[in-house]
Amino acid sequence: MKKLLKIIIFVLVITAIYNGVPKVLRMIYPMKYSQNIYTYSKKYDLDPYLVASIIKAESNFNVNAVSNRNAYGLMQITSSTGNWIAEQMELKDYDVDKLFQPEYNILMGCWYLNDLKKEFNNNIDLVLAAYNGGRGNVQKWLNDNDHSKDGKSLHYIPFKETDKYVKRVKVNYNIYRYLYSK
């Protein structure tokens, strides 16, 4: 009888853990602004879980986030990048303050990710490295044998922050896919 009780308790604990973990993870990995994420991901041919993963890494879904490098909003777009994106998108009403508006920030961030995807032939590692470390730096690294053997992918990212960023976004991506793709 005692053994049966232990088995029942064990099964209940495992069941509670199994059913509770996704709920806890959804609190840690929210899918805030999902309508904007899905809308602009679709418009710019992006995986919405990748966009959510980038937002998680960049701002932890804080619309008012400002980095020490003066990047703004959910997707941490700098004013100079924002100006360039607005020019490319022909956004006549662009103002840097709009980067604090979730829809506007996600729109511009998704457009930019799509632009990087085109430049780097859909190589997500390169897209992420360019989003964080700059597209010019990634192009330099691709042309340097210390960083790329084939000129198409990186075997070494010299910026530690960018290397960690790429890895963090990829972990986030796997978690977002697990939690929300069902």
N, C-alpha and C. Protein backbone atom coordinates (compact mmCIF):
# COMPACT_ATOMS: atom_id res chain seq x y z
N MET A 1 0.82 -1.19 0.00
CA MET A 1 0.00 0.00 0.00
C MET A 1 0.87 1.26 0.00
N LYS A 2 1.93 1.26 0.80
CA LYS A 2 2.83 2.40 0.88
C LYS A 2 3.52 2.62 -0.48
N LYS A 3 3.90 1.54 -1.13
CA LYS A 3 4.57 1.63 -2.42
C LYS A 3 3.61 2.19 -3.47
N LEU A 4 2.37 1.76 -3.45
CA LEU A 4 1.36 2.26 -4.38
C LEU A 4 1.14 3.76 -4.18
N LEU A 5 1.09 4.20 -2.94
CA LEU A 5 0.92 5.62 -2.64
C LEU A 5 2.10 6.43 -3.19
N LYS A 6 3.32 5.93 -3.04
CA LYS A 6 4.50 6.60 -3.57
C LYS A 6 4.42 6.70 -5.09
N ILE A 7 3.98 5.65 -5.74
CA ILE A 7 3.85 5.66 -7.20
C ILE A 7 2.81 6.68 -7.63
N ILE A 8 1.68 6.71 -6.94
CA ILE A 8 0.62 7.67 -7.27
C ILE A 8 1.12 9.10 -7.08
N ILE A 9 1.80 9.36 -5.99
CA ILE A 9 2.36 10.70 -5.73
C ILE A 9 3.38 11.06 -6.81
N PHE A 10 4.23 10.12 -7.16
CA PHE A 10 5.24 10.35 -8.20
C PHE A 10 4.56 10.72 -9.53
N VAL A 11 3.55 9.95 -9.90
CA VAL A 11 2.83 10.21 -11.15
C VAL A 11 2.15 11.59 -11.10
N LEU A 12 1.56 11.93 -9.98
CA LEU A 12 0.91 13.24 -9.84
C LEU A 12 1.93 14.38 -9.94
N VAL A 13 3.08 14.21 -9.33
CA VAL A 13 4.13 15.24 -9.40
C VAL A 13 4.61 15.41 -10.83
N ILE A 14 4.87 14.30 -11.51
CA ILE A 14 5.33 14.36 -12.90
C ILE A 14 4.26 15.03 -13.77
N THR A 15 3.01 14.67 -13.57
CA THR A 15 1.91 15.27 -14.33
C THR A 15 1.83 16.77 -14.07
N ALA A 16 1.95 17.16 -12.81
CA ALA A 16 1.91 18.59 -12.46
C ALA A 16 3.07 19.34 -13.11
N ILE A 17 4.23 18.74 -13.06
CA ILE A 17 5.40 19.38 -13.68
C ILE A 17 5.20 19.50 -15.18
N TYR A 18 4.76 18.41 -15.80
CA TYR A 18 4.56 18.40 -17.25
C TYR A 18 3.53 19.45 -17.67
N ASN A 19 2.44 19.52 -16.94
CA ASN A 19 1.38 20.47 -17.29
C ASN A 19 1.70 21.90 -16.86
N GLY A 20 2.52 22.06 -15.85
CA GLY A 20 2.83 23.38 -15.33
C GLY A 20 3.97 24.07 -16.04
N VAL A 21 4.92 23.32 -16.55
CA VAL A 21 6.10 23.91 -17.18
C VAL A 21 5.74 24.82 -18.35
N PRO A 22 4.88 24.38 -19.29
CA PRO A 22 4.54 25.30 -20.37
C PRO A 22 3.90 26.60 -19.88
N LYS A 23 3.08 26.53 -18.84
CA LYS A 23 2.45 27.74 -18.31
C LYS A 23 3.50 28.70 -17.74
N VAL A 24 4.44 28.15 -17.01
CA VAL A 24 5.51 28.97 -16.44
C VAL A 24 6.37 29.55 -17.56
N LEU A 25 6.71 28.71 -18.53
CA LEU A 25 7.53 29.18 -19.65
C LEU A 25 6.81 30.28 -20.44
N ARG A 26 5.49 30.18 -20.59
CA ARG A 26 4.75 31.23 -21.30
C ARG A 26 4.80 32.56 -20.56
N MET A 27 4.95 32.50 -19.25
CA MET A 27 5.10 33.74 -18.49
C MET A 27 6.49 34.33 -18.73
N ILE A 28 7.49 33.47 -18.82
CA ILE A 28 8.86 33.93 -19.05
C ILE A 28 9.08 34.32 -20.51
N TYR A 29 8.42 33.59 -21.41
CA TYR A 29 8.53 33.83 -22.85
C TYR A 29 7.15 34.21 -23.40
N PRO A 30 6.73 35.45 -23.14
CA PRO A 30 5.39 35.86 -23.59
C PRO A 30 5.34 36.06 -25.10
N MET A 31 4.14 36.08 -25.61
CA MET A 31 3.94 36.39 -27.03
C MET A 31 3.09 37.65 -27.11
N LYS A 32 3.61 38.71 -26.46
CA LYS A 32 2.91 40.00 -26.49
C LYS A 32 2.96 40.56 -27.91
N TYR A 33 2.00 41.39 -28.23
CA TYR A 33 1.92 42.04 -29.54
C TYR A 33 1.87 41.01 -30.66
N SER A 34 1.26 39.87 -30.37
CA SER A 34 1.25 38.76 -31.33
C SER A 34 0.57 39.15 -32.64
N GLN A 35 -0.47 39.96 -32.59
CA GLN A 35 -1.14 40.35 -33.83
C GLN A 35 -0.18 41.11 -34.75
N ASN A 36 0.58 42.05 -34.18
CA ASN A 36 1.56 42.79 -34.98
C ASN A 36 2.68 41.86 -35.46
N ILE A 37 3.13 40.98 -34.59
CA ILE A 37 4.20 40.04 -34.96
C ILE A 37 3.74 39.16 -36.11
N TYR A 38 2.55 38.59 -36.01
CA TYR A 38 2.06 37.71 -37.08
C TYR A 38 1.81 38.48 -38.37
N THR A 39 1.22 39.66 -38.26
CA THR A 39 0.92 40.46 -39.45
C THR A 39 2.18 40.82 -40.22
N TYR A 40 3.18 41.38 -39.53
CA TYR A 40 4.37 41.85 -40.24
C TYR A 40 5.35 40.73 -40.56
N SER A 41 5.30 39.66 -39.80
CA SER A 41 6.11 38.48 -40.16
C SER A 41 5.62 37.92 -41.48
N LYS A 42 4.31 37.83 -41.61
CA LYS A 42 3.74 37.30 -42.86
C LYS A 42 4.05 38.24 -44.02
N LYS A 43 3.86 39.54 -43.78
CA LYS A 43 4.09 40.53 -44.84
C LYS A 43 5.53 40.48 -45.35
N TYR A 44 6.48 40.24 -44.45
CA TYR A 44 7.90 40.27 -44.83
C TYR A 44 8.55 38.89 -44.84
N ASP A 45 7.72 37.86 -44.96
CA ASP A 45 8.21 36.49 -45.14
C ASP A 45 9.19 36.07 -44.04
N LEU A 46 8.76 36.27 -42.81
CA LEU A 46 9.58 35.92 -41.65
C LEU A 46 8.84 34.92 -40.77
N ASP A 47 9.58 34.18 -40.01
CA ASP A 47 9.00 33.27 -39.03
C ASP A 47 8.59 34.11 -37.82
N PRO A 48 7.32 34.09 -37.43
CA PRO A 48 6.89 34.92 -36.30
C PRO A 48 7.60 34.56 -34.99
N TYR A 49 8.00 33.30 -34.85
CA TYR A 49 8.70 32.90 -33.62
C TYR A 49 10.12 33.46 -33.60
N LEU A 50 10.69 33.66 -34.77
CA LEU A 50 12.00 34.32 -34.84
C LEU A 50 11.86 35.78 -34.43
N VAL A 51 10.84 36.44 -34.92
CA VAL A 51 10.61 37.85 -34.56
C VAL A 51 10.38 37.98 -33.06
N ALA A 52 9.55 37.11 -32.49
CA ALA A 52 9.32 37.13 -31.04
C ALA A 52 10.62 36.87 -30.28
N SER A 53 11.44 35.97 -30.80
CA SER A 53 12.72 35.64 -30.17
C SER A 53 13.67 36.83 -30.17
N ILE A 54 13.65 37.58 -31.24
CA ILE A 54 14.48 38.78 -31.34
C ILE A 54 13.98 39.84 -30.36
N ILE A 55 12.67 40.03 -30.32
CA ILE A 55 12.10 41.01 -29.37
C ILE A 55 12.45 40.61 -27.94
N LYS A 56 12.34 39.34 -27.63
CA LYS A 56 12.69 38.85 -26.29
C LYS A 56 14.15 39.19 -25.97
N ALA A 57 15.05 38.94 -26.91
CA ALA A 57 16.47 39.20 -26.68
C ALA A 57 16.79 40.69 -26.64
N GLU A 58 16.12 41.46 -27.48
CA GLU A 58 16.42 42.88 -27.59
C GLU A 58 15.87 43.71 -26.43
N SER A 59 14.60 43.49 -26.09
CA SER A 59 13.95 44.39 -25.12
C SER A 59 13.14 43.68 -24.05
N ASN A 60 13.07 42.36 -24.14
CA ASN A 60 12.21 41.58 -23.24
C ASN A 60 10.77 42.12 -23.27
N PHE A 61 10.34 42.53 -24.47
CA PHE A 61 8.98 43.03 -24.71
C PHE A 61 8.67 44.33 -23.98
N ASN A 62 9.70 45.12 -23.68
CA ASN A 62 9.52 46.43 -23.06
C ASN A 62 9.45 47.48 -24.16
N VAL A 63 8.26 48.05 -24.39
CA VAL A 63 8.08 49.03 -25.46
C VAL A 63 8.89 50.30 -25.22
N ASN A 64 9.22 50.58 -23.97
CA ASN A 64 9.95 51.80 -23.64
C ASN A 64 11.45 51.58 -23.49
N ALA A 65 11.93 50.43 -23.90
CA ALA A 65 13.35 50.11 -23.75
C ALA A 65 14.22 51.08 -24.56
N VAL A 66 15.30 51.52 -23.92
CA VAL A 66 16.33 52.34 -24.58
C VAL A 66 17.66 51.74 -24.17
N SER A 67 18.47 51.38 -25.15
CA SER A 67 19.76 50.77 -24.83
C SER A 67 20.81 51.84 -24.57
N ASN A 68 21.97 51.40 -24.10
CA ASN A 68 23.07 52.34 -23.90
C ASN A 68 23.64 52.83 -25.23
N ARG A 69 23.21 52.23 -26.33
CA ARG A 69 23.62 52.67 -27.67
C ARG A 69 22.49 53.43 -28.36
N ASN A 70 21.53 53.86 -27.57
CA ASN A 70 20.38 54.62 -28.07
C ASN A 70 19.59 53.88 -29.14
N ALA A 71 19.28 52.63 -28.84
CA ALA A 71 18.34 51.86 -29.66
C ALA A 71 17.02 51.86 -28.90
N TYR A 72 15.92 51.92 -29.66
CA TYR A 72 14.63 52.20 -29.05
C TYR A 72 13.59 51.11 -29.31
N GLY A 73 12.74 50.93 -28.31
CA GLY A 73 11.55 50.11 -28.47
C GLY A 73 11.79 48.61 -28.46
N LEU A 74 10.76 47.90 -28.87
CA LEU A 74 10.75 46.44 -28.79
C LEU A 74 11.91 45.79 -29.53
N MET A 75 12.18 46.25 -30.75
CA MET A 75 13.21 45.61 -31.57
C MET A 75 14.53 46.37 -31.55
N GLN A 76 14.61 47.37 -30.65
CA GLN A 76 15.85 48.11 -30.41
C GLN A 76 16.47 48.66 -31.70
N ILE A 77 15.74 49.54 -32.33
CA ILE A 77 16.18 50.17 -33.57
C ILE A 77 16.80 51.52 -33.22
N THR A 78 18.01 51.77 -33.71
CA THR A 78 18.66 53.05 -33.46
C THR A 78 18.02 54.13 -34.34
N SER A 79 18.24 55.38 -33.97
CA SER A 79 17.64 56.46 -34.76
C SER A 79 18.20 56.47 -36.18
N SER A 80 19.50 56.22 -36.34
CA SER A 80 20.07 56.23 -37.69
C SER A 80 19.53 55.08 -38.54
N THR A 81 19.41 53.89 -37.95
CA THR A 81 18.83 52.77 -38.68
C THR A 81 17.36 53.04 -38.96
N GLY A 82 16.66 53.60 -37.98
CA GLY A 82 15.26 53.96 -38.18
C GLY A 82 15.07 54.95 -39.31
N ASN A 83 15.94 55.96 -39.38
CA ASN A 83 15.87 56.94 -40.47
C ASN A 83 16.09 56.26 -41.82
N TRP A 84 17.08 55.37 -41.88
CA TRP A 84 17.39 54.66 -43.12
C TRP A 84 16.22 53.76 -43.54
N ILE A 85 15.68 53.01 -42.58
CA ILE A 85 14.54 52.13 -42.88
C ILE A 85 13.36 52.96 -43.38
N ALA A 86 13.05 54.05 -42.68
CA ALA A 86 11.92 54.91 -43.07
C ALA A 86 12.11 55.44 -44.48
N GLU A 87 13.34 55.81 -44.81
CA GLU A 87 13.64 56.29 -46.16
C GLU A 87 13.41 55.18 -47.19
N GLN A 88 13.93 53.99 -46.90
CA GLN A 88 13.77 52.85 -47.81
C GLN A 88 12.31 52.45 -47.97
N MET A 89 11.55 52.52 -46.89
CA MET A 89 10.13 52.15 -46.91
C MET A 89 9.25 53.30 -47.40
N GLU A 90 9.85 54.47 -47.57
CA GLU A 90 9.13 55.68 -47.98
C GLU A 90 8.02 56.03 -46.98
N LEU A 91 8.38 55.96 -45.70
CA LEU A 91 7.45 56.33 -44.63
C LEU A 91 7.54 57.84 -44.44
N LYS A 92 6.55 58.54 -44.87
CA LYS A 92 6.58 60.01 -44.84
C LYS A 92 6.39 60.57 -43.43
N ASP A 93 5.70 59.82 -42.58
CA ASP A 93 5.38 60.34 -41.24
C ASP A 93 6.33 59.83 -40.16
N TYR A 94 7.50 59.34 -40.55
CA TYR A 94 8.43 58.77 -39.57
C TYR A 94 8.98 59.84 -38.64
N ASP A 95 9.05 59.47 -37.39
CA ASP A 95 9.68 60.27 -36.35
C ASP A 95 10.28 59.27 -35.37
N VAL A 96 11.44 59.55 -34.81
CA VAL A 96 12.11 58.59 -33.93
C VAL A 96 11.22 58.17 -32.75
N ASP A 97 10.34 59.05 -32.30
CA ASP A 97 9.44 58.70 -31.19
C ASP A 97 8.49 57.56 -31.55
N LYS A 98 8.25 57.37 -32.83
CA LYS A 98 7.37 56.27 -33.26
C LYS A 98 7.99 54.90 -32.99
N LEU A 99 9.30 54.88 -32.76
CA LEU A 99 9.95 53.60 -32.44
C LEU A 99 9.47 53.04 -31.11
N PHE A 100 8.80 53.86 -30.31
CA PHE A 100 8.24 53.38 -29.05
C PHE A 100 6.82 52.83 -29.23
N GLN A 101 6.28 52.95 -30.42
CA GLN A 101 4.96 52.39 -30.71
C GLN A 101 5.14 50.95 -31.20
N PRO A 102 4.56 49.98 -30.51
CA PRO A 102 4.78 48.57 -30.86
C PRO A 102 4.55 48.25 -32.34
N GLU A 103 3.44 48.70 -32.89
CA GLU A 103 3.15 48.34 -34.28
C GLU A 103 4.19 48.92 -35.23
N TYR A 104 4.55 50.16 -35.02
CA TYR A 104 5.52 50.84 -35.88
C TYR A 104 6.90 50.18 -35.75
N ASN A 105 7.30 49.88 -34.53
CA ASN A 105 8.61 49.28 -34.27
C ASN A 105 8.69 47.89 -34.91
N ILE A 106 7.64 47.10 -34.74
CA ILE A 106 7.64 45.75 -35.31
C ILE A 106 7.59 45.81 -36.83
N LEU A 107 6.82 46.73 -37.38
CA LEU A 107 6.78 46.93 -38.83
C LEU A 107 8.19 47.20 -39.37
N MET A 108 8.87 48.17 -38.76
CA MET A 108 10.21 48.55 -39.24
C MET A 108 11.22 47.43 -38.99
N GLY A 109 11.14 46.80 -37.83
CA GLY A 109 12.07 45.71 -37.52
C GLY A 109 11.91 44.54 -38.47
N CYS A 110 10.66 44.20 -38.81
CA CYS A 110 10.42 43.10 -39.74
C CYS A 110 10.89 43.45 -41.15
N TRP A 111 10.65 44.70 -41.56
CA TRP A 111 11.15 45.11 -42.87
C TRP A 111 12.68 44.96 -42.91
N TYR A 112 13.33 45.42 -41.85
CA TYR A 112 14.79 45.37 -41.78
C TYR A 112 15.30 43.92 -41.79
N LEU A 113 14.66 43.05 -41.03
CA LEU A 113 15.06 41.64 -41.03
C LEU A 113 14.91 41.03 -42.42
N ASN A 114 13.85 41.38 -43.11
CA ASN A 114 13.65 40.88 -44.47
C ASN A 114 14.74 41.39 -45.40
N ASP A 115 15.13 42.64 -45.23
CA ASP A 115 16.21 43.21 -46.03
C ASP A 115 17.52 42.47 -45.77
N LEU A 116 17.78 42.16 -44.51
CA LEU A 116 18.99 41.39 -44.16
C LEU A 116 18.90 39.97 -44.71
N LYS A 117 17.71 39.39 -44.68
CA LYS A 117 17.52 38.04 -45.23
C LYS A 117 17.89 38.00 -46.71
N LYS A 118 17.48 39.03 -47.44
CA LYS A 118 17.81 39.10 -48.87
C LYS A 118 19.32 39.23 -49.06
N GLU A 119 19.92 40.09 -48.28
CA GLU A 119 21.37 40.33 -48.42
C GLU A 119 22.19 39.08 -48.08
N PHE A 120 21.74 38.33 -47.09
CA PHE A 120 22.52 37.19 -46.62
C PHE A 120 21.89 35.85 -47.01
N ASN A 121 21.17 35.85 -48.12
CA ASN A 121 20.64 34.61 -48.72
C ASN A 121 19.91 33.71 -47.73
N ASN A 122 19.07 34.29 -46.92
CA ASN A 122 18.24 33.54 -45.96
C ASN A 122 19.04 32.82 -44.88
N ASN A 123 20.31 33.15 -44.71
CA ASN A 123 21.12 32.52 -43.67
C ASN A 123 20.81 33.23 -42.34
N ILE A 124 20.01 32.56 -41.51
CA ILE A 124 19.50 33.19 -40.29
C ILE A 124 20.63 33.57 -39.33
N ASP A 125 21.68 32.76 -39.24
CA ASP A 125 22.81 33.12 -38.37
C ASP A 125 23.43 34.45 -38.81
N LEU A 126 23.58 34.63 -40.12
CA LEU A 126 24.14 35.89 -40.63
C LEU A 126 23.17 37.05 -40.41
N VAL A 127 21.89 36.79 -40.61
CA VAL A 127 20.87 37.83 -40.39
C VAL A 127 20.93 38.30 -38.93
N LEU A 128 20.97 37.35 -38.01
CA LEU A 128 21.02 37.71 -36.59
C LEU A 128 22.31 38.44 -36.25
N ALA A 129 23.43 37.97 -36.78
CA ALA A 129 24.71 38.64 -36.53
C ALA A 129 24.68 40.06 -37.07
N ALA A 130 24.10 40.25 -38.25
CA ALA A 130 24.02 41.58 -38.85
C ALA A 130 23.05 42.47 -38.08
N TYR A 131 21.95 41.91 -37.61
CA TYR A 131 20.98 42.70 -36.85
C TYR A 131 21.63 43.25 -35.58
N ASN A 132 22.49 42.45 -34.97
CA ASN A 132 23.12 42.86 -33.72
C ASN A 132 24.45 43.58 -33.93
N GLY A 133 25.28 43.05 -34.80
CA GLY A 133 26.64 43.56 -34.95
C GLY A 133 26.87 44.47 -36.14
N GLY A 134 25.87 44.60 -36.99
CA GLY A 134 25.99 45.46 -38.17
C GLY A 134 26.26 44.67 -39.43
N ARG A 135 25.54 45.03 -40.48
CA ARG A 135 25.68 44.31 -41.75
C ARG A 135 27.07 44.49 -42.35
N GLY A 136 27.65 45.67 -42.19
CA GLY A 136 28.99 45.90 -42.71
C GLY A 136 30.02 45.02 -42.04
N ASN A 137 29.90 44.84 -40.74
CA ASN A 137 30.82 43.95 -40.03
C ASN A 137 30.68 42.51 -40.51
N VAL A 138 29.45 42.06 -40.69
CA VAL A 138 29.24 40.69 -41.15
C VAL A 138 29.85 40.50 -42.54
N GLN A 139 29.69 41.48 -43.42
CA GLN A 139 30.30 41.39 -44.75
C GLN A 139 31.83 41.30 -44.64
N LYS A 140 32.41 42.10 -43.73
CA LYS A 140 33.87 42.02 -43.52
C LYS A 140 34.28 40.64 -43.03
N TRP A 141 33.53 40.11 -42.08
CA TRP A 141 33.86 38.81 -41.51
C TRP A 141 33.76 37.71 -42.56
N LEU A 142 32.78 37.81 -43.45
CA LEU A 142 32.63 36.80 -44.51
C LEU A 142 33.82 36.81 -45.47
N ASN A 143 34.46 37.96 -45.60
CA ASN A 143 35.62 38.08 -46.50
C ASN A 143 36.95 37.85 -45.80
N ASP A 144 36.90 37.40 -44.56
CA ASP A 144 38.10 37.17 -43.76
C ASP A 144 38.20 35.68 -43.41
N ASN A 145 39.28 35.05 -43.84
CA ASN A 145 39.46 33.60 -43.59
C ASN A 145 39.48 33.24 -42.12
N ASP A 146 39.79 34.19 -41.25
CA ASP A 146 39.76 33.92 -39.81
C ASP A 146 38.34 33.71 -39.30
N HIS A 147 37.36 34.20 -40.06
CA HIS A 147 35.96 34.14 -39.62
C HIS A 147 35.08 33.29 -40.52
N SER A 148 35.48 33.16 -41.79
CA SER A 148 34.66 32.41 -42.75
C SER A 148 35.57 31.67 -43.72
N LYS A 149 35.34 30.39 -43.85
CA LYS A 149 36.15 29.59 -44.78
C LYS A 149 35.61 29.65 -46.21
N ASP A 150 34.29 29.89 -46.34
CA ASP A 150 33.66 29.83 -47.66
C ASP A 150 33.07 31.16 -48.13
N GLY A 151 33.11 32.19 -47.31
CA GLY A 151 32.52 33.47 -47.67
C GLY A 151 31.00 33.48 -47.63
N LYS A 152 30.41 32.38 -47.16
CA LYS A 152 28.95 32.27 -47.12
C LYS A 152 28.40 32.06 -45.71
N SER A 153 29.26 31.62 -44.81
CA SER A 153 28.84 31.40 -43.42
C SER A 153 30.02 31.74 -42.51
N LEU A 154 29.71 31.96 -41.26
CA LEU A 154 30.74 32.30 -40.28
C LEU A 154 31.02 31.10 -39.38
N HIS A 155 32.29 30.81 -39.21
CA HIS A 155 32.64 29.78 -38.22
C HIS A 155 33.11 30.44 -36.92
N TYR A 156 33.31 31.75 -36.97
CA TYR A 156 33.74 32.49 -35.79
C TYR A 156 33.20 33.92 -35.87
N ILE A 157 32.51 34.34 -34.84
CA ILE A 157 32.01 35.72 -34.75
C ILE A 157 32.91 36.46 -33.76
N PRO A 158 33.68 37.45 -34.23
CA PRO A 158 34.67 38.09 -33.36
C PRO A 158 34.09 38.98 -32.25
N PHE A 159 32.87 39.44 -32.40
CA PHE A 159 32.24 40.23 -31.35
C PHE A 159 31.57 39.27 -30.37
N LYS A 160 32.06 39.22 -29.13
CA LYS A 160 31.48 38.31 -28.13
C LYS A 160 29.99 38.58 -27.93
N GLU A 161 29.64 39.85 -27.85
CA GLU A 161 28.23 40.20 -27.65
C GLU A 161 27.37 39.66 -28.78
N THR A 162 27.84 39.79 -30.01
CA THR A 162 27.08 39.31 -31.17
C THR A 162 27.01 37.79 -31.18
N ASP A 163 28.11 37.14 -30.84
CA ASP A 163 28.11 35.68 -30.77
C ASP A 163 27.09 35.18 -29.75
N LYS A 164 27.09 35.80 -28.57
CA LYS A 164 26.12 35.43 -27.52
C LYS A 164 24.69 35.74 -27.97
N TYR A 165 24.53 36.86 -28.65
CA TYR A 165 23.21 37.27 -29.13
C TYR A 165 22.64 36.22 -30.09
N VAL A 166 23.43 35.80 -31.06
CA VAL A 166 22.96 34.81 -32.03
C VAL A 166 22.53 33.53 -31.31
N LYS A 167 23.34 33.09 -30.37
CA LYS A 167 23.01 31.87 -29.62
C LYS A 167 21.75 32.07 -28.78
N ARG A 168 21.63 33.22 -28.13
CA ARG A 168 20.47 33.50 -27.28
C ARG A 168 19.18 33.53 -28.10
N VAL A 169 19.21 34.18 -29.25
CA VAL A 169 18.02 34.24 -30.09
C VAL A 169 17.63 32.85 -30.57
N LYS A 170 18.61 32.03 -30.89
CA LYS A 170 18.30 30.67 -31.36
C LYS A 170 17.69 29.82 -30.24
N VAL A 171 18.15 29.99 -29.02
CA VAL A 171 17.53 29.29 -27.88
C VAL A 171 16.10 29.80 -27.70
N ASN A 172 15.94 31.13 -27.71
CA ASN A 172 14.60 31.72 -27.60
C ASN A 172 13.68 31.16 -28.68
N TYR A 173 14.20 31.07 -29.89
CA TYR A 173 13.41 30.58 -31.02
C TYR A 173 12.88 29.16 -30.76
N ASN A 174 13.74 28.30 -30.29
CA ASN A 174 13.31 26.92 -30.01
C ASN A 174 12.23 26.89 -28.93
N ILE A 175 12.37 27.75 -27.94
CA ILE A 175 11.37 27.80 -26.87
C ILE A 175 10.05 28.36 -27.41
N TYR A 176 10.10 29.44 -28.19
CA TYR A 176 8.87 30.01 -28.75
C TYR A 176 8.17 29.01 -29.67
N ARG A 177 8.92 28.31 -30.48
CA ARG A 177 8.31 27.29 -31.35
C ARG A 177 7.63 26.21 -30.52
N TYR A 178 8.31 25.76 -29.47
CA TYR A 178 7.76 24.72 -28.60
C TYR A 178 6.46 25.20 -27.94
N LEU A 179 6.46 26.42 -27.45
CA LEU A 179 5.32 26.92 -26.69
C LEU A 179 4.12 27.33 -27.54
N TYR A 180 4.37 27.89 -28.72
CA TYR A 180 3.28 28.54 -29.45
C TYR A 180 2.93 27.93 -30.80
N SER A 181 3.67 26.95 -31.27
CA SER A 181 3.40 26.43 -32.62
C SER A 181 2.34 25.33 -32.64
N LYS A 182 1.76 25.03 -31.52
CA LYS A 182 0.78 23.93 -31.46
C LYS A 182 -0.58 24.35 -31.95
